[in-house]
Amino acid sequence: MASLYKRAGKYWMLQFATPDKSVKRIHLGEIPDRTAQRLRDKVEMLVQAAFFGMPPDESLNRWVVSIADSPLAIKLQAVGLLKQSLPRKLEVFLDEYIRLWTDAKENTRNNILINGYRSGEKDKTLPSFFNGVTMNSNFRIYN
């Protein structure tokens, strides 16, 4: 889905089709061949997640978080693969995060969300503990 081109013999450009069938390009600049190929693979995974409406896997999410403040993240935002969400409540973020927790069993997630972090305190769920706290910025996967 994503193609990698070398321009002028040394500058890499990445091209891909979006779910709305438009063609987008990201200019990567002068980087090593292997790095360009790895970026192409990551962009392919983002494009596939967008095409099929599926959430990306955990490793891709970690990668997106790791590049959050980089020029690459800005380029991915510009072509619509990543979008910076508006400030939102930490309670909502934690609720989503706990629900998407892949390395915890379902009952563990439910106990944290429903039963609270202390035994028997229904009003002390982890997300509700942070009620009213907003986050400044975070990156979300395109979907």
C-alpha atoms as a PDB file:
ATOM      1  CA  MET A   1       0.000   0.000   0.000  1.00  0.00           C
ATOM      2  CA  ALA A   2       2.845   2.405   0.704  1.00  0.00           C
ATOM      3  CA  SER A   3       5.603   2.973  -1.826  1.00  0.00           C
ATOM      4  CA  LEU A   4       9.081   4.282  -1.206  1.00  0.00           C
ATOM      5  CA  TYR A   5      10.885   6.402  -3.801  1.00  0.00           C
ATOM      6  CA  LYS A   6      14.305   7.975  -3.922  1.00  0.00           C
ATOM      7  CA  ARG A   7      14.374  11.455  -5.449  1.00  0.00           C
ATOM      8  CA  ALA A   8      17.512  13.043  -6.843  1.00  0.00           C
ATOM      9  CA  GLY A   9      19.419   9.927  -5.837  1.00  0.00           C
ATOM     10  CA  LYS A  10      19.387  10.613  -2.108  1.00  0.00           C
ATOM     11  CA  TYR A  11      16.069  12.038  -0.810  1.00  0.00           C
ATOM     12  CA  TRP A  12      13.381   9.559   0.207  1.00  0.00           C
ATOM     13  CA  MET A  13       9.685  10.089  -0.424  1.00  0.00           C
ATOM     14  CA  LEU A  14       6.877   7.870   0.852  1.00  0.00           C
ATOM     15  CA  GLN A  15       3.605   7.646  -1.088  1.00  0.00           C
ATOM     16  CA  PHE A  16       0.364   5.943  -0.100  1.00  0.00           C
ATOM     17  CA  ALA A  17      -3.367   5.946  -0.815  1.00  0.00           C
ATOM     18  CA  THR A  18      -5.787   7.011   1.915  1.00  0.00           C
ATOM     19  CA  PRO A  19      -9.181   5.418   2.630  1.00  0.00           C
ATOM     20  CA  ASP A  20     -10.831   8.197   0.588  1.00  0.00           C
ATOM     21  CA  LYS A  21      -8.670   7.102  -2.388  1.00  0.00           C
ATOM     22  CA  SER A  22      -6.482  10.199  -2.502  1.00  0.00           C
ATOM     23  CA  VAL A  23      -2.721   9.825  -2.856  1.00  0.00           C
ATOM     24  CA  LYS A  24      -0.575  11.396  -0.152  1.00  0.00           C
ATOM     25  CA  ARG A  25       3.183  11.891   0.007  1.00  0.00           C
ATOM     26  CA  ILE A  26       5.596  12.326   2.887  1.00  0.00           C
ATOM     27  CA  HIS A  27       9.060  13.669   2.160  1.00  0.00           C
ATOM     28  CA  LEU A  28      11.483  11.889   4.469  1.00  0.00           C
ATOM     29  CA  GLY A  29      14.642  13.637   3.361  1.00  0.00           C
ATOM     30  CA  GLU A  30      18.104  12.149   3.345  1.00  0.00           C
ATOM     31  CA  ILE A  31      17.978   9.139   5.668  1.00  0.00           C
ATOM     32  CA  PRO A  32      19.553   5.664   5.544  1.00  0.00           C
ATOM     33  CA  ASP A  33      17.854   3.070   3.317  1.00  0.00           C
ATOM     34  CA  ARG A  34      16.961   0.784   6.213  1.00  0.00           C
ATOM     35  CA  THR A  35      15.356   3.618   8.178  1.00  0.00           C
ATOM     36  CA  ALA A  36      13.260   4.568   5.143  1.00  0.00           C
ATOM     37  CA  GLN A  37      12.102   0.954   4.782  1.00  0.00           C
ATOM     38  CA  ARG A  38      11.152   0.754   8.459  1.00  0.00           C
ATOM     39  CA  LEU A  39       9.183   3.992   8.202  1.00  0.00           C
ATOM     40  CA  ARG A  40       7.411   2.628   5.126  1.00  0.00           C
ATOM     41  CA  ASP A  41       6.428  -0.475   7.117  1.00  0.00           C
ATOM     42  CA  LYS A  42       5.037   1.632   9.969  1.00  0.00           C
ATOM     43  CA  VAL A  43       3.106   3.877   7.584  1.00  0.00           C
ATOM     44  CA  GLU A  44       1.713   0.786   5.830  1.00  0.00           C
ATOM     45  CA  MET A  45       0.402  -0.475   9.167  1.00  0.00           C
ATOM     46  CA  LEU A  46      -1.220   2.910   9.875  1.00  0.00           C
ATOM     47  CA  VAL A  47      -2.806   2.968   6.398  1.00  0.00           C
ATOM     48  CA  GLN A  48      -4.095  -0.600   6.766  1.00  0.00           C
ATOM     49  CA  ALA A  49      -5.619   0.203  10.146  1.00  0.00           C
ATOM     50  CA  ALA A  50      -7.367   3.200   8.575  1.00  0.00           C
ATOM     51  CA  PHE A  51      -8.558   1.205   5.544  1.00  0.00           C
ATOM     52  CA  PHE A  52     -10.047  -1.632   7.557  1.00  0.00           C
ATOM     53  CA  GLY A  53     -11.228   0.457  10.501  1.00  0.00           C
ATOM     54  CA  MET A  54      -9.339  -1.753  12.936  1.00  0.00           C
ATOM     55  CA  PRO A  55      -7.317  -0.550  15.897  1.00  0.00           C
ATOM     56  CA  PRO A  56      -3.569  -0.793  15.353  1.00  0.00           C
ATOM     57  CA  ASP A  57      -1.587  -3.291  17.368  1.00  0.00           C
ATOM     58  CA  GLU A  58       0.195  -2.453  20.593  1.00  0.00           C
ATOM     59  CA  SER A  59       3.658  -2.133  19.029  1.00  0.00           C
ATOM     60  CA  LEU A  60       2.382   0.430  16.523  1.00  0.00           C
ATOM     61  CA  ASN A  61       0.709   2.409  19.309  1.00  0.00           C
ATOM     62  CA  ARG A  62       3.979   2.436  21.254  1.00  0.00           C
ATOM     63  CA  TRP A  63       5.823   3.639  18.150  1.00  0.00           C
ATOM     64  CA  VAL A  64       3.326   6.466  17.626  1.00  0.00           C
ATOM     65  CA  VAL A  65       3.773   7.568  21.236  1.00  0.00           C
ATOM     66  CA  SER A  66       7.565   7.441  20.855  1.00  0.00           C
ATOM     67  CA  ILE A  67       7.516   9.830  17.867  1.00  0.00           C
ATOM     68  CA  ALA A  68       4.887  12.159  19.350  1.00  0.00           C
ATOM     69  CA  ASP A  69       7.095  15.256  19.517  1.00  0.00           C
ATOM     70  CA  SER A  70       9.099  14.647  16.354  1.00  0.00           C
ATOM     71  CA  PRO A  71       8.911  16.279  12.912  1.00  0.00           C
ATOM     72  CA  LEU A  72       7.744  12.904  11.557  1.00  0.00           C
ATOM     73  CA  ALA A  73       4.627  13.058  13.736  1.00  0.00           C
ATOM     74  CA  ILE A  74       3.856  16.490  12.292  1.00  0.00           C
ATOM     75  CA  LYS A  75       4.221  15.100   8.771  1.00  0.00           C
ATOM     76  CA  LEU A  76       1.952  12.155   9.597  1.00  0.00           C
ATOM     77  CA  GLN A  77      -0.605  14.597  11.005  1.00  0.00           C
ATOM     78  CA  ALA A  78      -0.407  16.723   7.863  1.00  0.00           C
ATOM     79  CA  VAL A  79      -1.366  13.755   5.650  1.00  0.00           C
ATOM     80  CA  GLY A  80      -4.089  12.586   8.029  1.00  0.00           C
ATOM     81  CA  LEU A  81      -2.572   9.382   9.389  1.00  0.00           C
ATOM     82  CA  LEU A  82      -2.318  10.797  12.874  1.00  0.00           C
ATOM     83  CA  LYS A  83      -4.466  13.464  14.338  1.00  0.00           C
ATOM     84  CA  GLN A  84      -3.916  15.454  17.449  1.00  0.00           C
ATOM     85  CA  SER A  85      -7.018  15.347  19.525  1.00  0.00           C
ATOM     86  CA  LEU A  86      -8.368  18.294  21.420  1.00  0.00           C
ATOM     87  CA  PRO A  87      -7.670  18.468  25.115  1.00  0.00           C
ATOM     88  CA  ARG A  88      -9.780  15.889  26.859  1.00  0.00           C
ATOM     89  CA  LYS A  89     -10.436  14.692  30.340  1.00  0.00           C
ATOM     90  CA  LEU A  90      -7.944  12.315  31.888  1.00  0.00           C
ATOM     91  CA  GLU A  91     -10.886  10.259  33.147  1.00  0.00           C
ATOM     92  CA  VAL A  92     -11.976   9.532  29.544  1.00  0.00           C
ATOM     93  CA  PHE A  93      -8.418   8.717  28.485  1.00  0.00           C
ATOM     94  CA  LEU A  94      -7.912   6.293  31.375  1.00  0.00           C
ATOM     95  CA  ASP A  95     -11.240   4.632  30.686  1.00  0.00           C
ATOM     96  CA  GLU A  96     -10.230   4.055  27.028  1.00  0.00           C
ATOM     97  CA  TYR A  97      -6.716   2.974  27.979  1.00  0.00           C
ATOM     98  CA  ILE A  98      -7.890   0.408  30.521  1.00  0.00           C
ATOM     99  CA  ARG A  99     -10.432  -1.006  28.066  1.00  0.00           C
ATOM    100  CA  LEU A 100      -7.703  -1.413  25.424  1.00  0.00           C
ATOM    101  CA  TRP A 101      -5.191  -2.907  27.859  1.00  0.00           C
ATOM    102  CA  THR A 102      -3.900  -5.956  26.004  1.00  0.00           C
ATOM    103  CA  ASP A 103      -1.695  -7.522  28.651  1.00  0.00           C
ATOM    104  CA  ALA A 104      -4.363  -7.656  31.390  1.00  0.00           C
ATOM    105  CA  LYS A 105      -7.159 -10.175  31.696  1.00  0.00           C
ATOM    106  CA  GLU A 106     -10.732  -9.035  31.179  1.00  0.00           C
ATOM    107  CA  ASN A 107     -11.665  -9.419  34.855  1.00  0.00           C
ATOM    108  CA  THR A 108      -8.682  -7.294  35.881  1.00  0.00           C
ATOM    109  CA  ARG A 109      -9.805  -4.503  33.564  1.00  0.00           C
ATOM    110  CA  ASN A 110     -13.383  -4.792  34.809  1.00  0.00           C
ATOM    111  CA  ASN A 111     -12.272  -4.699  38.441  1.00  0.00           C
ATOM    112  CA  ILE A 112     -10.338  -1.489  37.860  1.00  0.00           C
ATOM    113  CA  LEU A 113     -13.160   0.128  35.878  1.00  0.00           C
ATOM    114  CA  ILE A 114     -16.181  -1.060  37.828  1.00  0.00           C
ATOM    115  CA  ASN A 115     -15.171  -2.154  41.323  1.00  0.00           C
ATOM    116  CA  GLY A 116     -12.580   0.505  42.012  1.00  0.00           C
ATOM    117  CA  TYR A 117      -8.969   0.308  42.984  1.00  0.00           C
ATOM    118  CA  ARG A 118      -9.826  -0.318  46.642  1.00  0.00           C
ATOM    119  CA  SER A 119     -12.077  -3.151  47.640  1.00  0.00           C
ATOM    120  CA  GLY A 120     -15.697  -2.130  47.986  1.00  0.00           C
ATOM    121  CA  GLU A 121     -15.368   1.554  47.076  1.00  0.00           C
ATOM    122  CA  LYS A 122     -17.608   1.863  44.037  1.00  0.00           C
ATOM    123  CA  ASP A 123     -17.080   5.614  43.713  1.00  0.00           C
ATOM    124  CA  LYS A 124     -13.285   5.265  43.700  1.00  0.00           C
ATOM    125  CA  THR A 125     -12.719   3.821  40.237  1.00  0.00           C
ATOM    126  CA  LEU A 126      -9.415   4.857  38.720  1.00  0.00           C
ATOM    127  CA  PRO A 127     -10.983   6.966  35.935  1.00  0.00           C
ATOM    128  CA  SER A 128     -13.385   8.742  38.310  1.00  0.00           C
ATOM    129  CA  PHE A 129     -10.504   9.553  40.673  1.00  0.00           C
ATOM    130  CA  PHE A 130      -9.173  11.897  37.950  1.00  0.00           C
ATOM    131  CA  ASN A 131     -12.557  13.401  37.101  1.00  0.00           C
ATOM    132  CA  GLY A 132     -12.186  16.967  35.843  1.00  0.00           C
ATOM    133  CA  VAL A 133      -8.460  16.764  35.037  1.00  0.00           C
ATOM    134  CA  THR A 134      -7.749  17.580  31.380  1.00  0.00           C
ATOM    135  CA  MET A 135      -4.818  16.509  29.256  1.00  0.00           C
ATOM    136  CA  ASN A 136      -3.062  19.123  27.112  1.00  0.00           C
ATOM    137  CA  SER A 137      -2.295  17.045  24.029  1.00  0.00           C
ATOM    138  CA  ASN A 138      -2.022  13.475  22.927  1.00  0.00           C
ATOM    139  CA  PHE A 139      -1.874  11.637  19.647  1.00  0.00           C
ATOM    140  CA  ARG A 140      -4.573   9.332  18.379  1.00  0.00           C
ATOM    141  CA  ILE A 141      -4.400   6.854  15.590  1.00  0.00           C
ATOM    142  CA  TYR A 142      -6.372   7.799  12.491  1.00  0.00           C
ATOM    143  CA  ASN A 143      -9.671   5.945  12.280  1.00  0.00           C
END
